[in-house]
N, C-alpha and C. Protein backbone atom coordinates (compact mmCIF):
# COMPACT_ATOMS: atom_id res chain seq x y z
N MET A 1 13.97 -6.02 -8.42
CA MET A 1 13.31 -6.05 -7.13
C MET A 1 14.34 -5.86 -6.02
N SER A 2 13.96 -5.09 -5.04
CA SER A 2 14.86 -4.91 -3.90
C SER A 2 14.27 -5.64 -2.70
N THR A 3 15.17 -6.17 -1.90
CA THR A 3 14.73 -6.90 -0.72
C THR A 3 15.42 -6.30 0.49
N ASP A 4 14.65 -6.00 1.50
CA ASP A 4 15.17 -5.48 2.75
C ASP A 4 14.72 -6.39 3.87
N ASN A 5 15.58 -6.56 4.86
CA ASN A 5 15.20 -7.33 6.03
C ASN A 5 14.79 -6.37 7.13
N VAL A 6 13.67 -6.63 7.73
CA VAL A 6 13.17 -5.82 8.82
C VAL A 6 13.05 -6.72 10.04
N ILE A 7 13.57 -6.26 11.16
CA ILE A 7 13.50 -7.05 12.38
C ILE A 7 12.54 -6.36 13.34
N PHE A 8 11.53 -7.10 13.76
CA PHE A 8 10.58 -6.61 14.75
C PHE A 8 10.93 -7.23 16.09
N VAL A 9 11.05 -6.42 17.11
CA VAL A 9 11.35 -6.92 18.46
C VAL A 9 10.23 -6.48 19.38
N PHE A 10 9.69 -7.42 20.10
CA PHE A 10 8.61 -7.14 21.04
C PHE A 10 9.08 -7.60 22.41
N ARG A 11 9.11 -6.68 23.36
CA ARG A 11 9.51 -7.04 24.72
C ARG A 11 8.34 -6.78 25.65
N GLN A 12 8.15 -7.69 26.56
CA GLN A 12 7.04 -7.56 27.49
C GLN A 12 7.52 -7.98 28.88
N ASP A 13 7.37 -7.09 29.84
CA ASP A 13 7.68 -7.42 31.23
C ASP A 13 6.41 -7.95 31.87
N ARG A 14 6.51 -9.07 32.54
CA ARG A 14 5.34 -9.66 33.19
C ARG A 14 5.62 -9.81 34.68
N HIS A 15 4.63 -9.54 35.43
CA HIS A 15 4.73 -9.71 36.88
C HIS A 15 3.72 -10.78 37.29
N SER A 16 4.20 -11.74 38.02
CA SER A 16 3.31 -12.79 38.50
C SER A 16 3.66 -13.10 39.96
N ALA A 17 2.94 -13.99 40.54
CA ALA A 17 3.17 -14.36 41.94
C ALA A 17 4.55 -14.97 42.13
N SER A 18 5.06 -15.63 41.11
CA SER A 18 6.37 -16.28 41.23
C SER A 18 7.52 -15.33 40.91
N GLY A 19 7.24 -14.11 40.50
CA GLY A 19 8.30 -13.15 40.23
C GLY A 19 8.09 -12.44 38.91
N CYS A 20 9.10 -11.70 38.54
CA CYS A 20 9.04 -10.90 37.31
C CYS A 20 9.92 -11.55 36.25
N TYR A 21 9.47 -11.57 35.02
CA TYR A 21 10.32 -12.07 33.94
C TYR A 21 10.08 -11.25 32.69
N ARG A 22 11.03 -11.29 31.81
CA ARG A 22 10.92 -10.55 30.56
C ARG A 22 10.84 -11.54 29.41
N ARG A 23 9.86 -11.33 28.56
CA ARG A 23 9.69 -12.18 27.38
C ARG A 23 10.05 -11.33 26.16
N THR A 24 10.92 -11.85 25.32
CA THR A 24 11.32 -11.14 24.11
C THR A 24 11.00 -12.02 22.91
N LEU A 25 10.24 -11.45 22.00
CA LEU A 25 9.93 -12.12 20.75
C LEU A 25 10.63 -11.35 19.63
N GLU A 26 11.26 -12.06 18.72
CA GLU A 26 11.96 -11.42 17.63
C GLU A 26 11.61 -12.12 16.33
N ALA A 27 11.31 -11.35 15.30
CA ALA A 27 10.98 -11.93 14.01
C ALA A 27 11.66 -11.13 12.91
N THR A 28 12.20 -11.84 11.93
CA THR A 28 12.80 -11.20 10.78
C THR A 28 11.87 -11.40 9.60
N VAL A 29 11.56 -10.32 8.93
CA VAL A 29 10.62 -10.37 7.82
C VAL A 29 11.31 -9.83 6.58
N ASP A 30 11.19 -10.53 5.47
CA ASP A 30 11.68 -10.03 4.20
C ASP A 30 10.61 -9.14 3.60
N VAL A 31 10.97 -7.89 3.36
CA VAL A 31 10.05 -6.95 2.76
C VAL A 31 10.51 -6.76 1.32
N THR A 32 9.71 -7.22 0.39
CA THR A 32 10.07 -7.15 -1.02
C THR A 32 9.20 -6.10 -1.70
N THR A 33 9.83 -5.21 -2.42
CA THR A 33 9.09 -4.21 -3.17
C THR A 33 8.63 -4.87 -4.45
N SER A 34 7.33 -4.95 -4.63
CA SER A 34 6.80 -5.63 -5.81
C SER A 34 6.92 -4.75 -7.03
N ARG A 35 6.77 -5.33 -8.18
CA ARG A 35 6.90 -4.64 -9.46
C ARG A 35 5.86 -3.54 -9.61
N THR A 36 4.67 -3.75 -9.06
CA THR A 36 3.62 -2.75 -9.24
C THR A 36 3.78 -1.55 -8.33
N ARG A 37 4.64 -1.65 -7.32
CA ARG A 37 4.82 -0.51 -6.43
C ARG A 37 5.71 0.56 -7.05
N ASP A 38 6.38 0.24 -8.18
CA ASP A 38 7.19 1.22 -8.87
C ASP A 38 6.42 1.70 -10.09
N LEU A 39 5.74 2.80 -9.93
CA LEU A 39 4.86 3.31 -10.98
C LEU A 39 5.64 3.78 -12.20
N ASP A 40 6.92 4.12 -12.01
CA ASP A 40 7.72 4.60 -13.14
C ASP A 40 8.01 3.50 -14.16
N GLN A 41 7.85 2.25 -13.79
CA GLN A 41 8.08 1.15 -14.72
C GLN A 41 6.97 1.04 -15.76
N HIS A 42 5.84 1.65 -15.52
CA HIS A 42 4.68 1.52 -16.41
C HIS A 42 4.62 2.71 -17.36
N SER A 43 4.37 2.43 -18.64
CA SER A 43 4.19 3.51 -19.61
C SER A 43 2.85 4.19 -19.35
N ASP A 44 2.69 5.40 -19.85
CA ASP A 44 1.48 6.18 -19.57
C ASP A 44 0.21 5.47 -20.02
N GLY A 45 0.25 4.79 -21.15
CA GLY A 45 -0.95 4.16 -21.67
C GLY A 45 -1.22 2.78 -21.11
N GLU A 46 -0.31 2.25 -20.30
CA GLU A 46 -0.48 0.90 -19.76
C GLU A 46 -1.66 0.88 -18.79
N LEU A 47 -2.49 -0.16 -18.92
CA LEU A 47 -3.66 -0.28 -18.05
C LEU A 47 -3.32 -1.10 -16.82
N LEU A 48 -3.75 -0.62 -15.67
CA LEU A 48 -3.52 -1.29 -14.39
C LEU A 48 -4.85 -1.76 -13.84
N THR A 49 -4.87 -2.96 -13.29
CA THR A 49 -6.09 -3.50 -12.71
C THR A 49 -6.32 -2.91 -11.33
N LEU A 50 -7.51 -3.16 -10.82
CA LEU A 50 -7.86 -2.71 -9.47
C LEU A 50 -6.90 -3.28 -8.43
N ALA A 51 -6.56 -4.56 -8.58
CA ALA A 51 -5.65 -5.21 -7.63
C ALA A 51 -4.24 -4.62 -7.71
N GLU A 52 -3.76 -4.30 -8.90
CA GLU A 52 -2.44 -3.70 -9.04
C GLU A 52 -2.39 -2.31 -8.42
N VAL A 53 -3.44 -1.53 -8.60
CA VAL A 53 -3.50 -0.19 -8.01
C VAL A 53 -3.58 -0.29 -6.49
N ALA A 54 -4.38 -1.24 -5.99
CA ALA A 54 -4.48 -1.44 -4.54
C ALA A 54 -3.13 -1.82 -3.96
N ASP A 55 -2.38 -2.67 -4.66
CA ASP A 55 -1.05 -3.07 -4.20
C ASP A 55 -0.11 -1.87 -4.19
N PHE A 56 -0.16 -1.06 -5.24
CA PHE A 56 0.69 0.13 -5.31
C PHE A 56 0.38 1.11 -4.19
N LEU A 57 -0.92 1.37 -3.95
CA LEU A 57 -1.32 2.34 -2.93
C LEU A 57 -1.32 1.76 -1.52
N ARG A 58 -1.17 0.44 -1.44
CA ARG A 58 -1.17 -0.28 -0.15
C ARG A 58 -2.48 -0.07 0.60
N VAL A 59 -3.57 -0.20 -0.13
CA VAL A 59 -4.91 -0.14 0.46
C VAL A 59 -5.69 -1.35 -0.01
N PRO A 60 -6.71 -1.78 0.73
CA PRO A 60 -7.54 -2.90 0.28
C PRO A 60 -8.30 -2.55 -1.00
N VAL A 61 -8.57 -3.57 -1.79
CA VAL A 61 -9.31 -3.39 -3.03
C VAL A 61 -10.68 -2.77 -2.74
N ASN A 62 -11.32 -3.19 -1.68
CA ASN A 62 -12.64 -2.63 -1.35
C ASN A 62 -12.58 -1.14 -1.02
N THR A 63 -11.46 -0.67 -0.50
CA THR A 63 -11.30 0.77 -0.26
C THR A 63 -11.30 1.51 -1.58
N LEU A 64 -10.60 0.97 -2.58
CA LEU A 64 -10.60 1.59 -3.90
C LEU A 64 -12.00 1.60 -4.50
N ARG A 65 -12.72 0.51 -4.32
CA ARG A 65 -14.09 0.47 -4.83
C ARG A 65 -14.96 1.53 -4.16
N TYR A 66 -14.80 1.71 -2.85
CA TYR A 66 -15.56 2.73 -2.12
C TYR A 66 -15.18 4.13 -2.60
N TRP A 67 -13.87 4.39 -2.74
CA TRP A 67 -13.42 5.68 -3.22
C TRP A 67 -14.00 5.97 -4.60
N ARG A 68 -14.06 4.95 -5.46
CA ARG A 68 -14.62 5.12 -6.80
C ARG A 68 -16.11 5.48 -6.72
N GLN A 69 -16.79 4.82 -5.79
CA GLN A 69 -18.23 5.05 -5.63
C GLN A 69 -18.54 6.47 -5.18
N ILE A 70 -17.71 7.02 -4.30
CA ILE A 70 -17.95 8.38 -3.81
C ILE A 70 -17.21 9.44 -4.61
N GLY A 71 -16.47 9.01 -5.66
CA GLY A 71 -15.77 9.94 -6.53
C GLY A 71 -14.50 10.52 -5.95
N ARG A 72 -13.84 9.80 -5.05
CA ARG A 72 -12.67 10.31 -4.36
C ARG A 72 -11.35 9.74 -4.87
N GLY A 73 -11.34 8.55 -5.40
CA GLY A 73 -10.11 7.87 -5.76
C GLY A 73 -9.66 8.11 -7.18
N PRO A 74 -8.68 7.33 -7.64
CA PRO A 74 -8.23 7.45 -9.02
C PRO A 74 -9.35 7.12 -10.00
N ARG A 75 -9.23 7.64 -11.21
CA ARG A 75 -10.26 7.44 -12.23
C ARG A 75 -10.15 6.03 -12.82
N PHE A 76 -11.20 5.25 -12.70
CA PHE A 76 -11.27 3.90 -13.26
C PHE A 76 -12.33 3.87 -14.35
N PHE A 77 -12.21 2.93 -15.25
CA PHE A 77 -13.26 2.69 -16.24
C PHE A 77 -13.35 1.20 -16.47
N LYS A 78 -14.45 0.78 -17.04
CA LYS A 78 -14.68 -0.65 -17.25
C LYS A 78 -14.14 -1.09 -18.60
N MET A 79 -13.39 -2.15 -18.59
CA MET A 79 -12.92 -2.82 -19.79
C MET A 79 -13.56 -4.19 -19.75
N GLY A 80 -14.69 -4.31 -20.41
CA GLY A 80 -15.47 -5.54 -20.27
C GLY A 80 -16.08 -5.57 -18.88
N ARG A 81 -15.71 -6.59 -18.12
CA ARG A 81 -16.19 -6.69 -16.74
C ARG A 81 -15.17 -6.24 -15.71
N HIS A 82 -14.03 -5.73 -16.17
CA HIS A 82 -12.93 -5.40 -15.26
C HIS A 82 -12.75 -3.89 -15.14
N LEU A 83 -12.44 -3.46 -13.94
CA LEU A 83 -12.12 -2.05 -13.70
C LEU A 83 -10.62 -1.86 -13.92
N VAL A 84 -10.27 -0.87 -14.74
CA VAL A 84 -8.87 -0.57 -15.01
C VAL A 84 -8.67 0.94 -15.00
N THR A 85 -7.42 1.34 -14.87
CA THR A 85 -7.03 2.74 -15.00
C THR A 85 -5.71 2.78 -15.73
N SER A 86 -5.39 3.91 -16.29
CA SER A 86 -4.09 4.03 -16.96
C SER A 86 -3.05 4.48 -15.93
N ALA A 87 -1.80 4.15 -16.23
CA ALA A 87 -0.72 4.55 -15.33
C ALA A 87 -0.65 6.08 -15.26
N ALA A 88 -0.94 6.75 -16.37
CA ALA A 88 -0.91 8.22 -16.37
C ALA A 88 -1.98 8.79 -15.44
N ASP A 89 -3.19 8.22 -15.48
CA ASP A 89 -4.26 8.68 -14.59
C ASP A 89 -3.90 8.46 -13.13
N LEU A 90 -3.26 7.33 -12.84
CA LEU A 90 -2.87 7.05 -11.46
C LEU A 90 -1.78 8.02 -11.01
N ARG A 91 -0.80 8.29 -11.88
CA ARG A 91 0.24 9.26 -11.55
C ARG A 91 -0.37 10.64 -11.26
N THR A 92 -1.32 11.05 -12.09
CA THR A 92 -1.99 12.34 -11.91
C THR A 92 -2.72 12.39 -10.58
N TRP A 93 -3.43 11.32 -10.24
CA TRP A 93 -4.17 11.28 -8.98
C TRP A 93 -3.23 11.32 -7.78
N VAL A 94 -2.13 10.54 -7.85
CA VAL A 94 -1.17 10.53 -6.74
C VAL A 94 -0.57 11.93 -6.57
N GLN A 95 -0.22 12.59 -7.69
CA GLN A 95 0.35 13.93 -7.60
C GLN A 95 -0.67 14.92 -7.02
N SER A 96 -1.94 14.78 -7.37
CA SER A 96 -2.96 15.67 -6.81
C SER A 96 -3.12 15.45 -5.31
N GLN A 97 -2.95 14.21 -4.87
CA GLN A 97 -3.02 13.93 -3.44
C GLN A 97 -1.82 14.55 -2.71
N LYS A 98 -0.65 14.50 -3.34
CA LYS A 98 0.53 15.12 -2.74
C LYS A 98 0.37 16.64 -2.66
N ASP A 99 -0.14 17.23 -3.74
CA ASP A 99 -0.29 18.69 -3.80
C ASP A 99 -1.31 19.20 -2.80
N GLY A 100 -2.37 18.42 -2.56
CA GLY A 100 -3.43 18.86 -1.67
C GLY A 100 -3.23 18.47 -0.22
N ALA A 101 -2.20 17.68 0.04
CA ALA A 101 -1.97 17.21 1.41
C ALA A 101 -1.28 18.28 2.26
N SER A 102 -1.66 18.33 3.51
CA SER A 102 -0.98 19.25 4.42
C SER A 102 0.25 18.56 4.97
N PRO A 103 1.33 19.30 5.23
CA PRO A 103 2.55 18.69 5.72
C PRO A 103 2.35 18.07 7.11
N VAL A 104 3.01 16.96 7.33
CA VAL A 104 2.94 16.28 8.62
C VAL A 104 4.13 16.73 9.44
N ALA A 105 3.86 17.19 10.65
CA ALA A 105 4.94 17.70 11.51
C ALA A 105 5.62 16.58 12.24
């Protein structure tokens, strides 16, 4: 796991009847890359849960459910009562999204 420190700085100038002052808020946040965000760690046949895929894609679980409903997201199937996908299917879907995406200027 890798850990990076990110510092957010928020500055706000305020004007009031008593004069102008500057308020500065600063916060340090540890950003840890979770195990599921590294798709290369998973073998092709390994099954990933809906929550693990949502964590990897950094989207809410309900977004994945909606994408599944409209046929837009990665391919999931039911294993008992749980929705799962294989790491290979997720890799294929991510690559198709990269291939079909227009470059951002």
